[in-house]
Amino acid sequence: MGLLDGLREVLGIRAEADATRKADPEDLFGMSTAYITMEAELGYEAVGEAALCFSEVDSADFSDAVEEVHEILEVGAEETGTETEARTDDYGYSWVVLRDSDFEDLVTSLNFAADTLMERGYGSRLLAALFAFERDGQKAYWVYSFRRGAYYPLVPKGTDDRDSSAEFKLESNLDGELDIEANKEYWYALLPDSPGRHPWE
């Protein structure tokens, strides 16, 4: 099984079929308190970036829905100052990348983006939302899987490995504050292409 097949399986249809609860964009607001725990108790600073990952549909209606997402975010940016960027990774997945020093604005904007796609009937295309943190030069993420309706920690170690010890520590400290995916088979490694960079770069 190739990497792309693995992503489709773990963040795709099988993940959704096995899920114990449905995804809800409102779950993203759980990060509004979790980031405080990350900073105050664990020493991870929010880096001011978050991203929404989804798979495209080759249709005019879906293109209109994505355009609507960006329009909503641009309107919101007038009030929040949140910067928005559209990206496509090497595997063909699309990203809405958000940058803002105010973490609450990132959470709210990501919620708007996900909720808009769901309201337009494309909730099944949503794969994951990522919130970026850093401690001592090491990046860490909380990933929300839309197919599982749960969070899991991701701490990349280079481009082909992850720091399991750091991830388990994050799990133990945030369990109860976030709805964490119990089946680690679904802790998919959305690893960056280059060391020290984000998965969407």
Protein backbone atom coordinates (compact mmCIF):
# COMPACT_ATOMS: atom_id res chain seq x y z
CA MET A 1 0.00 0.00 0.00
CA GLY A 2 1.41 3.38 -0.99
CA LEU A 3 1.47 6.52 1.12
CA LEU A 4 -1.46 8.04 -0.72
CA ASP A 5 -3.50 4.86 -0.31
CA GLY A 6 -2.65 4.86 3.39
CA LEU A 7 -3.88 8.42 3.78
CA ARG A 8 -7.12 7.62 1.98
CA GLU A 9 -7.68 4.58 4.18
CA VAL A 10 -6.84 6.12 7.54
CA LEU A 11 -8.42 9.53 6.95
CA GLY A 12 -10.99 8.27 4.45
CA ILE A 13 -13.94 5.99 4.07
CA ARG A 14 -12.77 3.20 6.39
CA ALA A 15 -12.05 5.72 9.13
CA GLU A 16 -15.52 7.18 8.75
CA ALA A 17 -17.17 3.76 8.79
CA ASP A 18 -15.30 2.80 11.98
CA ALA A 19 -15.91 6.12 13.74
CA THR A 20 -17.82 6.07 17.01
CA ARG A 21 -19.09 9.66 16.66
CA LYS A 22 -19.75 12.12 13.87
CA ALA A 23 -17.46 15.05 13.19
CA ASP A 24 -18.70 18.48 14.22
CA PRO A 25 -16.91 21.76 13.37
CA GLU A 26 -17.87 22.91 16.86
CA ASP A 27 -15.31 20.39 18.17
CA LEU A 28 -12.61 22.76 16.93
CA PHE A 29 -13.50 25.18 19.72
CA GLY A 30 -12.03 22.64 22.15
CA MET A 31 -8.65 24.06 21.14
CA SER A 32 -9.64 27.40 22.66
CA THR A 33 -8.83 26.02 26.10
CA ALA A 34 -6.41 23.25 25.10
CA TYR A 35 -3.87 25.73 23.74
CA ILE A 36 -3.70 27.36 27.17
CA THR A 37 -2.79 23.98 28.69
CA MET A 38 -0.23 23.46 25.93
CA GLU A 39 1.46 26.76 26.74
CA ALA A 40 1.08 27.04 30.51
CA GLU A 41 1.63 23.43 31.55
CA LEU A 42 3.64 21.85 28.72
CA GLY A 43 5.70 24.74 27.37
CA TYR A 44 4.43 24.49 23.78
CA GLU A 45 3.87 27.90 22.21
CA ALA A 46 1.24 28.37 19.52
CA VAL A 47 3.09 29.44 16.35
CA GLY A 48 0.15 31.37 14.90
CA GLU A 49 -0.69 28.91 12.12
CA ALA A 50 -3.46 26.40 11.52
CA ALA A 51 -4.74 24.61 8.44
CA LEU A 52 -7.73 22.76 7.02
CA CYS A 53 -7.07 19.79 4.72
CA PHE A 54 -9.65 18.49 2.26
CA SER A 55 -9.92 16.52 -0.96
CA GLU A 56 -11.18 18.24 -4.09
CA VAL A 57 -14.16 17.36 -6.26
CA ASP A 58 -13.96 18.12 -9.96
CA SER A 59 -17.17 20.14 -10.17
CA ALA A 60 -18.17 23.77 -10.59
CA ASP A 61 -20.34 23.63 -7.47
CA PHE A 62 -17.45 22.45 -5.31
CA SER A 63 -15.20 25.17 -6.74
CA ASP A 64 -17.89 27.69 -5.83
CA ALA A 65 -18.04 26.29 -2.29
CA VAL A 66 -14.26 26.63 -1.86
CA GLU A 67 -14.43 30.15 -3.26
CA GLU A 68 -17.17 30.93 -0.75
CA VAL A 69 -14.89 29.69 2.05
CA HIS A 70 -12.14 32.07 0.98
CA GLU A 71 -14.59 34.96 0.61
CA ILE A 72 -15.90 34.40 4.13
CA LEU A 73 -12.37 34.27 5.50
CA GLU A 74 -11.40 37.43 3.64
CA VAL A 75 -14.39 39.28 5.06
CA GLY A 76 -13.51 38.02 8.52
CA ALA A 77 -9.90 39.09 8.04
CA GLU A 78 -11.02 42.72 7.96
CA GLU A 79 -11.95 42.33 11.61
CA THR A 80 -9.46 39.74 12.83
CA GLY A 81 -6.44 40.29 10.59
CA THR A 82 -6.22 36.56 9.89
CA GLU A 83 -4.19 35.86 6.75
CA THR A 84 -5.44 33.12 4.42
CA GLU A 85 -3.60 31.07 1.82
CA ALA A 86 -4.71 28.26 -0.48
CA ARG A 87 -2.23 25.44 -1.10
CA THR A 88 -2.15 22.04 -2.80
CA ASP A 89 0.32 19.42 -1.58
CA ASP A 90 2.27 16.84 -3.58
CA TYR A 91 -0.48 14.26 -3.02
CA GLY A 92 -3.18 16.44 -4.53
CA TYR A 93 -4.86 17.42 -1.28
CA SER A 94 -5.97 21.01 -0.79
CA TRP A 95 -5.24 23.17 2.24
CA VAL A 96 -6.64 26.40 3.60
CA VAL A 97 -3.78 27.81 5.65
CA LEU A 98 -4.49 30.46 8.29
CA ARG A 99 -2.02 32.74 10.05
CA ASP A 100 -2.84 34.92 13.06
CA SER A 101 -1.07 35.69 16.33
CA ASP A 102 -4.46 35.50 18.09
CA PHE A 103 -5.16 31.79 18.60
CA GLU A 104 -8.88 32.36 19.16
CA ASP A 105 -9.12 33.94 15.71
CA LEU A 106 -7.47 30.87 14.17
CA VAL A 107 -9.99 28.56 15.83
CA THR A 108 -12.96 30.69 14.80
CA SER A 109 -11.77 31.05 11.19
CA LEU A 110 -11.09 27.33 10.87
CA ASN A 111 -14.57 26.61 12.22
CA PHE A 112 -16.13 28.96 9.65
CA ALA A 113 -14.22 27.29 6.82
CA ALA A 114 -15.19 23.74 7.84
CA ASP A 115 -18.78 24.70 8.63
CA THR A 116 -19.19 26.37 5.22
CA LEU A 117 -18.08 23.25 3.35
CA MET A 118 -20.41 21.11 5.46
CA GLU A 119 -23.37 23.42 4.84
CA ARG A 120 -22.68 23.25 1.10
CA GLY A 121 -22.87 19.44 1.30
CA TYR A 122 -19.15 18.70 1.15
CA GLY A 123 -18.48 17.59 4.70
CA SER A 124 -17.34 14.23 3.36
CA ARG A 125 -14.43 15.97 1.62
CA LEU A 126 -13.02 17.33 4.89
CA LEU A 127 -10.04 15.32 6.12
CA ALA A 128 -8.30 17.13 8.97
CA ALA A 129 -7.69 20.39 10.79
CA LEU A 130 -4.20 21.03 12.21
CA PHE A 131 -3.13 23.46 14.94
CA ALA A 132 0.61 24.14 15.12
CA PHE A 133 2.77 24.50 18.25
CA GLU A 134 6.48 24.54 18.97
CA ARG A 135 8.77 23.84 21.92
CA ASP A 136 12.57 24.05 21.85
CA GLY A 137 12.55 24.10 18.07
CA GLN A 138 10.36 20.99 17.77
CA LYS A 139 7.02 21.40 16.05
CA ALA A 140 3.93 19.64 17.37
CA TYR A 141 0.35 19.55 16.18
CA TRP A 142 -3.09 18.72 17.36
CA VAL A 143 -4.92 17.10 14.46
CA TYR A 144 -8.69 16.90 14.30
CA SER A 145 -9.86 14.06 12.06
CA PHE A 146 -13.20 14.88 10.46
CA ARG A 147 -13.70 11.25 9.52
CA ARG A 148 -13.28 10.14 13.14
CA GLY A 149 -14.69 13.13 15.02
CA ALA A 150 -11.65 13.13 17.33
CA TYR A 151 -8.24 14.69 17.94
CA TYR A 152 -4.78 13.17 18.07
CA PRO A 153 -1.29 14.61 18.66
CA LEU A 154 1.36 14.66 15.95
CA VAL A 155 5.03 15.41 16.67
CA PRO A 156 7.12 14.97 13.50
CA LYS A 157 10.72 13.87 13.81
CA GLY A 158 12.23 14.84 10.46
CA THR A 159 10.28 13.77 7.37
CA ASP A 160 9.81 10.05 7.96
CA ASP A 161 9.41 9.52 11.70
CA ARG A 162 7.51 10.86 14.68
CA ASP A 163 8.25 11.36 18.37
CA SER A 164 5.92 8.81 19.96
CA SER A 165 7.05 9.66 23.49
CA ALA A 166 6.13 13.33 23.04
CA GLU A 167 2.81 12.37 21.45
CA PHE A 168 1.86 10.08 24.33
CA LYS A 169 2.73 12.83 26.82
CA LEU A 170 0.47 15.25 24.96
CA GLU A 171 -2.27 12.62 24.92
CA SER A 172 -2.06 12.00 28.65
CA ASN A 173 -2.09 15.71 29.49
CA LEU A 174 -4.96 16.72 27.20
CA ASP A 175 -7.13 13.61 27.55
CA GLY A 176 -10.41 14.79 28.98
CA GLU A 177 -9.91 18.31 27.69
CA LEU A 178 -10.05 17.14 24.07
CA ASP A 179 -11.92 14.15 22.66
CA ILE A 180 -8.83 12.11 21.73
CA GLU A 181 -8.85 9.25 19.24
CA ALA A 182 -8.46 6.05 21.24
CA ASN A 183 -7.39 3.88 18.30
CA LYS A 184 -3.82 4.87 17.48
CA GLU A 185 -4.16 3.19 14.10
CA TYR A 186 -5.91 6.42 13.11
CA TRP A 187 -3.12 8.73 14.33
CA TYR A 188 -2.05 9.30 10.75
CA ALA A 189 1.42 10.81 10.25
CA LEU A 190 0.87 13.95 8.18
CA LEU A 191 4.61 14.53 7.97
CA PRO A 192 6.31 17.50 6.28
CA ASP A 193 8.31 17.15 3.07
CA SER A 194 11.26 19.04 4.60
CA PRO A 195 12.59 18.97 8.19
CA GLY A 196 11.27 21.79 10.35
CA ARG A 197 8.47 22.71 7.97
CA HIS A 198 4.71 22.27 8.24
CA PRO A 199 2.87 19.38 6.55
CA TRP A 200 1.11 21.82 4.23
CA GLU A 201 4.32 23.51 3.03
